[in-house]
Protein backbone atom coordinates (compact mmCIF):
# COMPACT_ATOMS: atom_id res chain seq x y z
CA UNK A 1 0.38 1.86 -10.62
CA UNK A 2 3.21 3.09 -8.86
CA UNK A 3 3.14 4.21 -5.28
CA UNK A 4 5.89 6.88 -3.95
CA UNK A 5 7.90 5.21 -1.05
CA UNK A 6 9.83 7.20 1.50
CA UNK A 7 11.53 5.35 4.11
CA UNK A 8 12.99 7.47 7.17
CA UNK A 9 14.92 6.43 10.54
CA UNK A 10 13.85 8.26 13.31
CA UNK A 11 15.01 8.33 17.02
CA UNK A 12 11.66 8.15 18.85
CA UNK A 13 9.66 5.64 17.20
CA UNK A 14 6.43 6.57 19.75
CA UNK A 15 6.87 10.18 19.18
CA UNK A 16 6.94 10.15 15.39
CA UNK A 17 4.23 8.03 14.97
CA UNK A 18 1.90 10.16 17.19
CA UNK A 19 3.49 13.02 14.51
CA UNK A 20 3.01 11.19 11.27
CA UNK A 21 -0.37 9.85 12.53
CA UNK A 22 -1.83 13.54 13.01
CA UNK A 23 -0.25 14.52 9.56
CA UNK A 24 -1.72 11.70 7.55
CA UNK A 25 -5.06 11.62 9.64
CA UNK A 26 -4.66 7.93 10.39
CA UNK A 27 -2.85 5.50 12.63
CA UNK A 28 0.01 3.12 10.97
CA UNK A 29 -1.59 0.05 9.20
CA UNK A 30 1.65 -1.89 10.21
CA UNK A 31 3.27 -1.06 13.54
CA UNK A 32 6.08 -3.24 15.28
CA UNK A 33 8.69 -2.29 18.18
CA UNK A 34 11.23 -0.91 15.82
CA UNK A 35 8.77 -0.07 12.50
CA UNK A 36 5.56 1.95 11.14
CA UNK A 37 4.30 2.01 7.86
CA UNK A 38 1.18 4.02 6.56
CA UNK A 39 -0.12 3.26 2.93
CA UNK A 40 -1.69 6.55 2.10
CA UNK A 41 -4.25 6.71 -0.77
CA UNK A 42 -4.14 10.85 -1.42
CA UNK A 43 -1.19 10.71 -2.28
CA UNK A 44 -0.74 7.24 -3.04
CA UNK A 45 2.27 7.14 -0.80
CA UNK A 46 3.76 4.09 1.12
CA UNK A 47 5.35 5.86 4.14
CA UNK A 48 7.51 3.87 6.42
CA UNK A 49 9.68 4.86 9.85
CA UNK A 50 12.20 2.58 11.93
CA UNK A 51 14.28 2.98 14.73
CA UNK A 52 17.23 0.63 13.68
CA UNK A 53 20.37 2.23 15.13
CA UNK A 54 21.22 4.49 11.99
CA UNK A 55 21.09 8.50 11.64
CA UNK A 56 17.93 10.21 11.76
CA UNK A 57 16.71 11.37 8.23
CA UNK A 58 16.19 9.79 4.85
CA UNK A 59 17.10 5.87 4.70
CA UNK A 60 15.73 5.35 1.39
CA UNK A 61 13.37 6.60 -1.11
CA UNK A 62 11.36 4.81 -4.05
CA UNK A 63 8.74 3.14 -6.18
CA UNK A 64 6.44 0.46 -5.07
CA UNK A 65 4.62 -1.04 -7.90
CA UNK A 66 2.03 -3.64 -8.27
CA UNK A 67 3.94 -6.79 -10.52
CA UNK A 68 7.02 -7.95 -11.41
CA UNK A 69 6.19 -6.79 -14.87
CA UNK A 70 6.28 -3.36 -13.86
CA UNK A 71 9.40 -3.92 -11.95
CA UNK A 72 11.05 -5.37 -14.74
CA UNK A 73 10.08 -2.39 -16.89
CA UNK A 74 11.36 0.07 -14.81
CA UNK A 75 14.50 -1.63 -14.37
CA UNK A 76 15.03 -1.74 -18.00
CA UNK A 77 14.09 1.97 -18.25
CA UNK A 78 17.17 2.86 -16.23
CA UNK A 79 19.28 0.06 -17.61
CA UNK A 80 18.72 1.74 -21.07
CA UNK A 81 20.11 4.97 -19.46
CA UNK A 82 23.10 3.30 -18.43
CA UNK A 83 22.27 3.42 -15.04
CA UNK A 84 23.85 0.56 -12.86
CA UNK A 85 21.58 -1.08 -10.01
CA UNK A 86 21.30 -4.10 -7.92
CA UNK A 87 18.59 -6.68 -8.26
CA UNK A 88 17.34 -8.70 -5.38
CA UNK A 89 14.86 -11.66 -5.61
CA UNK A 90 12.52 -12.63 -2.59
CA UNK A 91 14.55 -10.04 -0.36
CA UNK A 92 13.21 -9.98 3.32
CA UNK A 93 13.18 -6.72 4.73
CA UNK A 94 10.89 -4.16 6.99
CA UNK A 95 8.50 -7.12 7.55
CA UNK A 96 7.76 -8.04 3.91
CA UNK A 97 9.38 -10.36 1.21
CA UNK A 98 10.00 -8.36 -2.05
CA UNK A 99 11.67 -8.52 -5.65
CA UNK A 100 13.48 -5.36 -5.78
CA UNK A 101 15.73 -3.01 -7.97
CA UNK A 102 18.15 -0.78 -6.26
CA UNK A 103 19.65 2.27 -7.77
CA UNK A 104 21.68 5.61 -6.28
CA UNK A 105 21.25 8.89 -7.46
CA UNK A 106 23.97 10.93 -8.41
CA UNK A 107 24.12 12.37 -4.86
CA UNK A 108 24.26 9.18 -3.16
CA UNK A 109 20.54 8.76 -2.63
CA UNK A 110 19.11 5.28 -2.49
CA UNK A 111 16.17 4.56 -4.85
CA UNK A 112 14.18 1.27 -4.38
CA UNK A 113 12.11 0.09 -6.82
CA UNK A 114 10.10 -2.97 -5.47
CA UNK A 115 7.07 -5.33 -5.90
CA UNK A 116 5.81 -6.90 -2.39
CA UNK A 117 5.51 -10.35 -2.46
CA UNK A 118 4.03 -11.27 1.00
CA UNK A 119 4.26 -10.00 4.87
CA UNK A 120 6.80 -11.70 7.19
CA UNK A 121 6.88 -11.56 10.85
CA UNK A 122 10.68 -10.39 11.18
CA UNK A 123 12.31 -6.97 9.90
CA UNK A 124 14.66 -9.08 8.09
CA UNK A 125 15.81 -12.59 7.66
CA UNK A 126 19.86 -11.90 8.00
CA UNK A 127 21.00 -12.70 11.53
CA UNK A 128 24.26 -11.22 12.91
CA UNK A 129 26.47 -13.99 14.19
CA UNK A 130 27.78 -12.05 16.94
CA UNK A 131 24.33 -10.87 18.30
CA UNK A 132 22.04 -13.34 17.08
CA UNK A 133 19.69 -10.18 16.18
CA UNK A 134 18.45 -9.47 12.78
CA UNK A 135 20.70 -7.05 11.32
CA UNK A 136 19.78 -4.03 9.21
CA UNK A 137 18.50 -4.54 5.78
CA UNK A 138 17.39 -2.81 2.93
CA UNK A 139 19.56 -0.74 1.24
CA UNK A 140 22.48 -2.96 -0.43
CA UNK A 141 25.70 -1.57 0.18
CA UNK A 142 26.45 -1.42 -3.34
CA UNK A 143 23.45 1.00 -3.79
CA UNK A 144 24.20 3.03 -0.63
CA UNK A 145 27.48 4.24 -1.68
CA UNK A 146 27.43 7.67 -3.73
CA UNK A 147 29.18 8.08 -7.35
CA UNK A 148 33.12 7.76 -7.48
CA UNK A 149 35.14 11.17 -8.15
CA UNK A 150 34.93 11.31 -12.26
CA UNK A 151 31.94 9.29 -12.68
CA UNK A 152 29.32 10.86 -15.45
CA UNK A 153 26.55 12.45 -13.23
CA UNK A 154 24.06 10.19 -14.70
CA UNK A 155 25.43 7.12 -13.92
CA UNK A 156 26.21 5.65 -10.64
CA UNK A 157 27.98 2.08 -10.14
CA UNK A 158 27.96 1.33 -6.34
């Protein structure tokens, strides 16, 4: 079964947690210093917010699935439509380890299809050499760039 996923970058995490907790009628199930996530059942939604240095707004959207079989089926479905994507196996991001397949829609919005394998204690496991801090993770560069001029609208190869 699929669950719609939205990840939004926010400026003030505490203020946003208060707002979305009121909207969803519940506190986040996961809360970290830079991240919060709600698993809403009605509608089935995985809603995450983070304060990781990006501009406020939609970071990415997607579909969370319950198994790698479902993930493979989604990947095959978009590949059959000649939509290019980026596969990630065991990706560490947003306090979780997941198998993922990233797409970019014709307007440059990143879509993440994924199966969560486990929770992890850090936002991501890619460490920036200059700071020693975990870098932003999630949207691969190839999946975050918009389509080049002249490409068919039905394809977006990052």
